[in-house]
């Protein structure tokens, strides 16, 4: 569980609700199913119109990772690549063929397979770079789904408010109904602006950061396998790959040493 994501979401929602209650309001004033239907239904329809269903589905499946704790896969990946470098130095690159079944990551597995097959370092880098760029392009579409939703929802909220005001205008003979109707109409705007700025856009930003970390790990895999294929000393491989880690992680490792 990512404490920052959970804490941020709870703090944002709690702060808004607390402000409403302090001003003498109640939750019933903002719980309007019709407004929610207009805003979220309209936003989802616009997103599906812009993106393929497969991309939208992948984005929502990826959304669960926003609340996942930051992984420490980079450290274990470096240890794995250094172990491969030691084995290749002792027994040759072909000996890594026995480790292919233990490799879970498809990108790393493909790179090791190419290395075992005797691919030249420059060619291996070129082949894997195509795969890397293609994956990065596909990954970039997922946060774009939520960025688009964050752009659509406030406008859909305004549309819902206008529709509500149209209904209010039909009851101008009853001032009490007019006041209540106006209040209900603007709930759609709250839903649209709130969903965009509390959920959709933050989801997109966090997801983009996580995907960037995934891309960085693949870069690390590629550099590690190429270094092994070039016969680089395992210690030098470890130092080279450690450069991919962010500064706080490196400082923590230095203090631990």
Protein backbone atom coordinates (compact mmCIF):
# COMPACT_ATOMS: atom_id res chain seq x y z
CA UNK A 1 0.00 0.00 0.00
CA UNK A 2 1.32 3.43 -0.96
CA UNK A 3 0.78 5.64 2.09
CA UNK A 4 1.11 8.82 0.05
CA UNK A 5 -1.64 7.85 -2.39
CA UNK A 6 -4.06 6.63 0.28
CA UNK A 7 -3.27 9.52 2.59
CA UNK A 8 -3.63 12.10 -0.17
CA UNK A 9 -7.00 10.76 -1.32
CA UNK A 10 -8.37 10.56 2.22
CA UNK A 11 -7.04 14.01 3.14
CA UNK A 12 -8.56 15.62 0.04
CA UNK A 13 -12.01 14.08 0.46
CA UNK A 14 -12.05 14.61 4.23
CA UNK A 15 -11.02 18.23 3.90
CA UNK A 16 -13.81 19.01 1.45
CA UNK A 17 -16.47 17.19 3.45
CA UNK A 18 -15.29 18.81 6.70
CA UNK A 19 -15.51 22.24 5.08
CA UNK A 20 -19.05 21.50 3.94
CA UNK A 21 -20.13 20.37 7.40
CA UNK A 22 -18.48 23.34 9.12
CA UNK A 23 -20.49 25.68 6.91
CA UNK A 24 -23.69 23.98 8.05
CA UNK A 25 -24.20 21.75 5.05
CA UNK A 26 -24.83 18.02 4.93
CA UNK A 27 -23.79 15.13 2.73
CA UNK A 28 -27.28 14.80 1.31
CA UNK A 29 -26.80 18.10 -0.50
CA UNK A 30 -24.01 16.73 -2.67
CA UNK A 31 -25.18 13.13 -3.05
CA UNK A 32 -27.17 13.52 -6.25
CA UNK A 33 -27.41 10.35 -8.40
CA UNK A 34 -28.63 12.30 -11.43
CA UNK A 35 -25.64 14.62 -11.38
CA UNK A 36 -23.27 11.68 -10.92
CA UNK A 37 -24.87 9.87 -13.87
CA UNK A 38 -24.48 12.89 -16.13
CA UNK A 39 -20.88 13.62 -15.17
CA UNK A 40 -19.40 10.13 -14.97
CA UNK A 41 -21.51 8.69 -17.77
CA UNK A 42 -20.73 11.61 -20.07
CA UNK A 43 -17.02 11.55 -19.19
CA UNK A 44 -16.74 7.81 -19.79
CA UNK A 45 -18.55 8.14 -23.10
CA UNK A 46 -16.18 10.89 -24.26
CA UNK A 47 -13.14 8.86 -23.20
CA UNK A 48 -14.38 5.78 -25.06
CA UNK A 49 -14.95 7.93 -28.10
CA UNK A 50 -11.33 9.13 -28.00
CA UNK A 51 -9.52 5.89 -27.08
CA UNK A 52 -9.90 2.24 -28.09
CA UNK A 53 -11.66 0.02 -25.57
CA UNK A 54 -8.48 -2.01 -25.02
CA UNK A 55 -6.55 1.13 -24.03
CA UNK A 56 -9.27 2.27 -21.62
CA UNK A 57 -9.43 -1.20 -20.08
CA UNK A 58 -5.65 -1.32 -19.66
CA UNK A 59 -5.68 2.13 -18.04
CA UNK A 60 -8.30 1.14 -15.47
CA UNK A 61 -6.52 -2.12 -14.72
CA UNK A 62 -3.32 -0.17 -14.20
CA UNK A 63 -5.14 2.22 -11.85
CA UNK A 64 -4.83 -0.28 -8.99
CA UNK A 65 -1.04 0.18 -9.11
CA UNK A 66 -1.48 3.84 -8.16
CA UNK A 67 -2.22 2.70 -4.60
CA UNK A 68 0.52 0.06 -4.54
CA UNK A 69 3.67 0.68 -2.53
CA UNK A 70 6.76 1.65 -4.56
CA UNK A 71 8.55 -1.53 -5.55
CA UNK A 72 12.21 -2.22 -4.82
CA UNK A 73 12.73 -4.29 -7.94
CA UNK A 74 15.71 -2.26 -9.11
CA UNK A 75 17.99 -3.54 -6.34
CA UNK A 76 17.06 -7.17 -6.95
CA UNK A 77 17.40 -6.63 -10.69
CA UNK A 78 20.96 -5.35 -10.27
CA UNK A 79 21.84 -8.36 -8.13
CA UNK A 80 20.36 -10.69 -10.75
CA UNK A 81 22.27 -9.06 -13.61
CA UNK A 82 25.52 -9.09 -11.62
CA UNK A 83 24.97 -12.79 -10.92
CA UNK A 84 24.49 -13.35 -14.66
CA UNK A 85 27.67 -11.38 -15.34
CA UNK A 86 29.64 -13.55 -12.90
CA UNK A 87 28.29 -16.74 -14.45
CA UNK A 88 28.95 -15.54 -18.00
CA UNK A 89 32.50 -14.57 -17.01
CA UNK A 90 33.17 -18.06 -15.59
CA UNK A 91 31.29 -20.27 -18.04
CA UNK A 92 30.51 -18.08 -21.04
CA UNK A 93 27.33 -16.30 -22.13
CA UNK A 94 25.86 -19.56 -23.46
CA UNK A 95 25.66 -20.83 -19.87
CA UNK A 96 22.86 -18.32 -19.21
CA UNK A 97 20.57 -20.49 -21.32
CA UNK A 98 19.92 -22.59 -18.21
CA UNK A 99 18.57 -19.51 -16.38
CA UNK A 100 16.00 -18.52 -19.00
CA UNK A 101 13.21 -20.46 -17.29
CA UNK A 102 13.76 -18.54 -14.05
CA UNK A 103 13.43 -15.10 -15.66
CA UNK A 104 9.95 -13.65 -15.20
CA UNK A 105 10.28 -10.37 -17.07
CA UNK A 106 9.61 -10.87 -20.84
CA UNK A 107 11.92 -8.01 -21.85
CA UNK A 108 14.89 -9.36 -19.90
CA UNK A 109 14.17 -12.90 -21.07
CA UNK A 110 14.19 -11.83 -24.72
CA UNK A 111 17.43 -9.90 -24.26
CA UNK A 112 19.16 -12.89 -22.61
CA UNK A 113 17.88 -15.20 -25.38
CA UNK A 114 19.41 -12.94 -28.02
CA UNK A 115 22.67 -12.83 -26.08
CA UNK A 116 22.78 -16.62 -25.75
CA UNK A 117 22.10 -16.95 -29.48
CA UNK A 118 25.29 -15.00 -30.20
CA UNK A 119 23.78 -11.67 -31.25
CA UNK A 120 26.34 -8.87 -31.48
CA UNK A 121 26.02 -6.18 -28.77
CA UNK A 122 25.19 -3.43 -31.27
CA UNK A 123 22.52 -5.55 -32.96
CA UNK A 124 21.06 -6.65 -29.64
CA UNK A 125 20.82 -3.03 -28.51
CA UNK A 126 19.13 -2.06 -31.77
CA UNK A 127 16.59 -4.90 -31.59
CA UNK A 128 15.71 -4.34 -27.95
CA UNK A 129 15.54 -0.57 -28.43
CA UNK A 130 12.70 -1.07 -30.90
CA UNK A 131 10.84 -3.16 -28.32
CA UNK A 132 11.62 -0.59 -25.62
CA UNK A 133 10.33 2.34 -27.64
CA UNK A 134 7.19 0.47 -28.68
CA UNK A 135 6.39 -0.46 -25.08
CA UNK A 136 6.98 3.11 -23.92
CA UNK A 137 4.62 4.44 -26.59
CA UNK A 138 1.89 1.99 -25.61
CA UNK A 139 2.37 2.73 -21.91
CA UNK A 140 2.07 6.46 -22.53
CA UNK A 141 -1.53 6.01 -23.68
CA UNK A 142 -2.72 4.80 -20.25
CA UNK A 143 -2.14 8.02 -18.28
CA UNK A 144 -3.48 9.92 -21.30
CA UNK A 145 -6.86 8.25 -20.68
CA UNK A 146 -7.09 9.84 -17.23
CA UNK A 147 -5.70 13.15 -18.45
CA UNK A 148 -8.47 13.26 -21.03
CA UNK A 149 -11.06 12.31 -18.41
CA UNK A 150 -9.73 15.16 -16.26
CA UNK A 151 -10.26 17.53 -19.15
CA UNK A 152 -13.74 16.29 -20.04
CA UNK A 153 -15.33 15.97 -16.59
CA UNK A 154 -15.41 19.71 -15.61
CA UNK A 155 -17.04 20.56 -18.93
CA UNK A 156 -19.55 17.72 -18.56
CA UNK A 157 -20.21 19.04 -15.06
CA UNK A 158 -21.06 22.46 -16.47
CA UNK A 159 -23.32 20.75 -18.99
CA UNK A 160 -25.09 18.98 -16.12
CA UNK A 161 -25.52 22.27 -14.29
CA UNK A 162 -27.06 23.88 -17.37
CA UNK A 163 -29.45 20.97 -17.80
CA UNK A 164 -30.46 21.37 -14.17
CA UNK A 165 -31.04 25.09 -14.61
CA UNK A 166 -33.26 24.40 -17.60
CA UNK A 167 -35.43 22.26 -15.35
CA UNK A 168 -35.41 25.00 -12.69
CA UNK A 169 -36.69 27.56 -15.18
CA UNK A 170 -39.85 25.49 -15.57
CA UNK A 171 -40.73 26.11 -11.91
CA UNK A 172 -40.24 29.85 -11.61
CA UNK A 173 -43.67 30.15 -10.05
CA UNK A 174 -42.41 28.38 -6.91
CA UNK A 175 -39.45 30.22 -5.40
CA UNK A 176 -38.65 27.41 -2.94
CA UNK A 177 -38.38 24.90 -5.74
CA UNK A 178 -36.20 27.34 -7.69
CA UNK A 179 -33.72 27.69 -4.84
CA UNK A 180 -33.54 23.95 -4.23
CA UNK A 181 -33.24 23.25 -7.95
CA UNK A 182 -30.33 25.68 -8.41
CA UNK A 183 -28.46 24.04 -5.53
CA UNK A 184 -28.96 20.61 -7.06
CA UNK A 185 -27.93 21.84 -10.51
CA UNK A 186 -24.52 23.01 -9.32
CA UNK A 187 -23.75 19.64 -7.74
CA UNK A 188 -22.90 18.39 -11.24
CA UNK A 189 -20.20 21.07 -11.46
CA UNK A 190 -18.81 19.92 -8.11
CA UNK A 191 -18.66 16.34 -9.35
CA UNK A 192 -16.96 17.32 -12.59
CA UNK A 193 -14.32 19.62 -11.09
CA UNK A 194 -13.79 17.39 -8.05
CA UNK A 195 -13.34 14.19 -10.04
CA UNK A 196 -10.87 15.89 -12.39
CA UNK A 197 -8.68 17.48 -9.74
CA UNK A 198 -8.92 14.91 -6.96
CA UNK A 199 -8.81 11.70 -8.97
CA UNK A 200 -8.37 11.72 -12.75
CA UNK A 201 -5.41 14.12 -13.03
CA UNK A 202 -3.59 12.83 -9.91
CA UNK A 203 -4.08 9.26 -11.17
CA UNK A 204 -2.54 10.25 -14.49
CA UNK A 205 0.43 11.94 -12.85
CA UNK A 206 1.19 9.05 -10.48
CA UNK A 207 0.73 6.50 -13.25
CA UNK A 208 3.12 8.38 -15.51
CA UNK A 209 5.78 8.34 -12.78
CA UNK A 210 5.35 4.61 -12.23
CA UNK A 211 5.52 3.85 -15.95
CA UNK A 212 8.68 5.93 -16.16
CA UNK A 213 10.20 3.76 -13.43
CA UNK A 214 9.22 0.64 -15.39
CA UNK A 215 10.85 2.09 -18.51
CA UNK A 216 13.99 2.88 -16.51
CA UNK A 217 14.18 -0.73 -15.29
CA UNK A 218 13.99 -1.96 -18.88
CA UNK A 219 16.79 0.45 -19.79
CA UNK A 220 18.77 -1.07 -16.92
CA UNK A 221 18.09 -4.58 -18.22
CA UNK A 222 19.27 -3.65 -21.70
CA UNK A 223 22.47 -2.01 -20.47
CA UNK A 224 23.15 -4.94 -18.16
CA UNK A 225 22.76 -7.58 -20.87
CA UNK A 226 24.84 -5.59 -23.38
CA UNK A 227 27.57 -5.13 -20.76
CA UNK A 228 27.57 -8.87 -20.06
CA UNK A 229 27.79 -9.59 -23.78
CA UNK A 230 30.73 -7.19 -24.07
CA UNK A 231 32.54 -9.06 -21.29
CA UNK A 232 32.52 -6.22 -18.77
CA UNK A 233 33.80 -6.99 -15.28
CA UNK A 234 30.83 -7.85 -12.96
CA UNK A 235 31.90 -5.19 -10.47
CA UNK A 236 31.89 -2.59 -13.23
CA UNK A 237 28.47 -3.84 -14.35
CA UNK A 238 27.14 -3.28 -10.83
CA UNK A 239 28.56 0.24 -10.66
CA UNK A 240 27.19 1.06 -14.12
CA UNK A 241 23.69 -0.17 -13.28
CA UNK A 242 23.69 1.59 -9.91
CA UNK A 243 23.72 4.85 -11.88
CA UNK A 244 20.10 4.16 -12.84
CA UNK A 245 18.99 4.33 -9.21
CA UNK A 246 17.72 7.63 -7.93
CA UNK A 247 19.86 9.69 -5.58
CA UNK A 248 18.03 8.91 -2.29
CA UNK A 249 18.36 5.16 -2.94
CA UNK A 250 22.07 5.48 -3.65
CA UNK A 251 22.62 7.53 -0.51
CA UNK A 252 20.75 4.95 1.56
CA UNK A 253 22.91 2.16 0.15
CA UNK A 254 26.07 4.17 0.89
CA UNK A 255 24.98 4.71 4.50
CA UNK A 256 24.16 1.02 4.87
CA UNK A 257 27.64 0.13 3.57
